[in-house]
Each structure stands twice: as C-alpha cells, then as structure tokens.
Amino acid sequence: MDAMDRFVTRENIDRYRRLASESTDAAERSRIMKLLAEEDAKFKLELSREGGAAEGSSPVSTATVNRADFDGEGRGSGS
C-alpha cells in the first residue's frame, strides 16, 4: 500500500466514522458501520503485508465500533 492508498483509506475511515455519528437511522448506520469495518480490515491487511502492523494500529477506535451496538437512543440494538 503506497502513501496515497493509506491516505485514502484513512480518509474513508474518518468519513464513515463521521457519517455513522451523524446518522439517526439505524439501518443506515448499520450500512455505514459495515463499510467502516471493511475499510478497517483492508487497512489492517495492507499493514500486515508490509510487516508494519502492530496490535491496535487500526485507525478505527473501539468506541466507534461499539457504537454499532446501539440504536442511537442509548439502547442496545437487540432490545
């Protein structure tokens, strides 16, 4: 992954994170979180191929990922 690819991936992750935080629709937020997870997986895969991946080096925070578990009103999505 060259510098431009890393930049685009980080920008995509930032954009998906922002969109997820702004979305009030649970279905839309779920789609955005899926895109975020895919982009994060791509980032981790490319880093591991380069041999530079450290544990926890993903730009996606735990708080962002955990946000997918809530419906926007503080309740778990399974409730």
C-alpha atoms as a PDB file:
ATOM      1  CA  MET A   1       0.000   0.000   0.000  1.00  0.00           C
ATOM      2  CA  ASP A   2       1.583   3.238  -1.044  1.00  0.00           C
ATOM      3  CA  ALA A   3       1.218   6.572   0.713  1.00  0.00           C
ATOM      4  CA  MET A   4      -1.756   7.639  -1.418  1.00  0.00           C
ATOM      5  CA  ASP A   5      -3.644   4.390  -0.682  1.00  0.00           C
ATOM      6  CA  ARG A   6      -3.022   4.806   3.047  1.00  0.00           C
ATOM      7  CA  PHE A   7      -4.237   8.391   2.872  1.00  0.00           C
ATOM      8  CA  VAL A   8      -7.437   7.412   1.035  1.00  0.00           C
ATOM      9  CA  THR A   9      -8.099   4.569   3.452  1.00  0.00           C
ATOM     10  CA  ARG A  10      -7.648   6.828   6.486  1.00  0.00           C
ATOM     11  CA  GLU A  11      -9.892   9.475   4.918  1.00  0.00           C
ATOM     12  CA  ASN A  12     -12.565   6.856   4.178  1.00  0.00           C
ATOM     13  CA  ILE A  13     -12.417   5.622   7.764  1.00  0.00           C
ATOM     14  CA  ASP A  14     -12.738   9.190   9.082  1.00  0.00           C
ATOM     15  CA  ARG A  15     -15.663   9.858   6.720  1.00  0.00           C
ATOM     16  CA  TYR A  16     -17.519   6.669   7.664  1.00  0.00           C
ATOM     17  CA  ARG A  17     -16.955   7.392  11.351  1.00  0.00           C
ATOM     18  CA  ARG A  18     -18.371  10.909  10.908  1.00  0.00           C
ATOM     19  CA  LEU A  19     -21.352   9.668   8.882  1.00  0.00           C
ATOM     20  CA  ALA A  20     -22.136   6.999  11.487  1.00  0.00           C
ATOM     21  CA  SER A  21     -22.108   9.583  14.274  1.00  0.00           C
ATOM     22  CA  GLU A  22     -24.437  11.882  12.314  1.00  0.00           C
ATOM     23  CA  SER A  23     -26.905   9.226  11.191  1.00  0.00           C
ATOM     24  CA  THR A  24     -30.175   8.853  13.083  1.00  0.00           C
ATOM     25  CA  ASP A  25     -31.438   5.893  11.063  1.00  0.00           C
ATOM     26  CA  ALA A  26     -30.362   2.527  12.500  1.00  0.00           C
ATOM     27  CA  ALA A  27     -30.349   0.766   9.114  1.00  0.00           C
ATOM     28  CA  GLU A  28     -28.225   3.493   7.521  1.00  0.00           C
ATOM     29  CA  ARG A  29     -25.845   3.496  10.473  1.00  0.00           C
ATOM     30  CA  SER A  30     -25.547  -0.283  10.163  1.00  0.00           C
ATOM     31  CA  ARG A  31     -24.572   0.016   6.468  1.00  0.00           C
ATOM     32  CA  ILE A  32     -22.038   2.710   7.294  1.00  0.00           C
ATOM     33  CA  MET A  33     -20.547   0.605  10.086  1.00  0.00           C
ATOM     34  CA  LYS A  34     -20.219  -2.313   7.652  1.00  0.00           C
ATOM     35  CA  LEU A  35     -18.302  -0.065   5.249  1.00  0.00           C
ATOM     36  CA  LEU A  36     -16.168   1.146   8.143  1.00  0.00           C
ATOM     37  CA  ALA A  37     -15.355  -2.430   9.168  1.00  0.00           C
ATOM     38  CA  GLU A  38     -14.445  -3.344   5.575  1.00  0.00           C
ATOM     39  CA  GLU A  39     -12.158  -0.337   5.237  1.00  0.00           C
ATOM     40  CA  ASP A  40     -10.545  -1.115   8.584  1.00  0.00           C
ATOM     41  CA  ALA A  41      -9.954  -4.742   7.543  1.00  0.00           C
ATOM     42  CA  LYS A  42      -8.363  -3.564   4.298  1.00  0.00           C
ATOM     43  CA  PHE A  43      -6.109  -1.190   6.229  1.00  0.00           C
ATOM     44  CA  LYS A  44      -5.022  -3.930   8.656  1.00  0.00           C
ATOM     45  CA  LEU A  45      -4.394  -6.409   5.831  1.00  0.00           C
ATOM     46  CA  GLU A  46      -2.206  -3.989   3.927  1.00  0.00           C
ATOM     47  CA  LEU A  47      -0.255  -3.086   7.049  1.00  0.00           C
ATOM     48  CA  SER A  48       0.341  -6.748   7.838  1.00  0.00           C
ATOM     49  CA  ARG A  49       1.580  -7.355   4.291  1.00  0.00           C
ATOM     50  CA  GLU A  50       4.071  -4.547   4.778  1.00  0.00           C
ATOM     51  CA  GLY A  51       5.179  -6.034   8.081  1.00  0.00           C
ATOM     52  CA  GLY A  52       4.410  -2.807   9.898  1.00  0.00           C
ATOM     53  CA  ALA A  53       1.223  -3.808  11.669  1.00  0.00           C
ATOM     54  CA  ALA A  54       1.280  -3.539  15.393  1.00  0.00           C
ATOM     55  CA  GLU A  55      -1.591  -4.715  17.541  1.00  0.00           C
ATOM     56  CA  GLY A  56      -4.176  -1.968  17.773  1.00  0.00           C
ATOM     57  CA  SER A  57      -2.689   0.051  14.915  1.00  0.00           C
ATOM     58  CA  SER A  58      -6.040   0.455  13.200  1.00  0.00           C
ATOM     59  CA  PRO A  59      -7.429   3.987  12.972  1.00  0.00           C
ATOM     60  CA  VAL A  60     -10.880   2.692  13.940  1.00  0.00           C
ATOM     61  CA  SER A  61     -11.437   3.207  17.650  1.00  0.00           C
ATOM     62  CA  THR A  62     -13.206   0.786  19.944  1.00  0.00           C
ATOM     63  CA  ALA A  63     -15.750   3.478  20.731  1.00  0.00           C
ATOM     64  CA  THR A  64     -16.646   3.763  17.043  1.00  0.00           C
ATOM     65  CA  VAL A  65     -17.027   0.028  16.636  1.00  0.00           C
ATOM     66  CA  ASN A  66     -19.070  -0.254  19.839  1.00  0.00           C
ATOM     67  CA  ARG A  67     -21.399   2.453  18.543  1.00  0.00           C
ATOM     68  CA  ALA A  68     -22.822  -0.087  16.092  1.00  0.00           C
ATOM     69  CA  ASP A  69     -24.289  -1.926  19.084  1.00  0.00           C
ATOM     70  CA  PHE A  70     -26.653   0.935  19.937  1.00  0.00           C
ATOM     71  CA  ASP A  71     -29.745   2.281  18.233  1.00  0.00           C
ATOM     72  CA  GLY A  72     -28.941   5.950  18.800  1.00  0.00           C
ATOM     73  CA  GLU A  73     -31.039   6.262  21.947  1.00  0.00           C
ATOM     74  CA  GLY A  74     -28.638   4.542  24.308  1.00  0.00           C
ATOM     75  CA  ARG A  75     -30.326   1.177  23.970  1.00  0.00           C
ATOM     76  CA  GLY A  76     -28.727  -1.938  22.606  1.00  0.00           C
ATOM     77  CA  SER A  77     -29.835  -2.682  19.044  1.00  0.00           C
ATOM     78  CA  GLY A  78     -31.018  -6.114  20.177  1.00  0.00           C
ATOM     79  CA  SER A  79     -33.574  -4.602  22.588  1.00  0.00           C
END
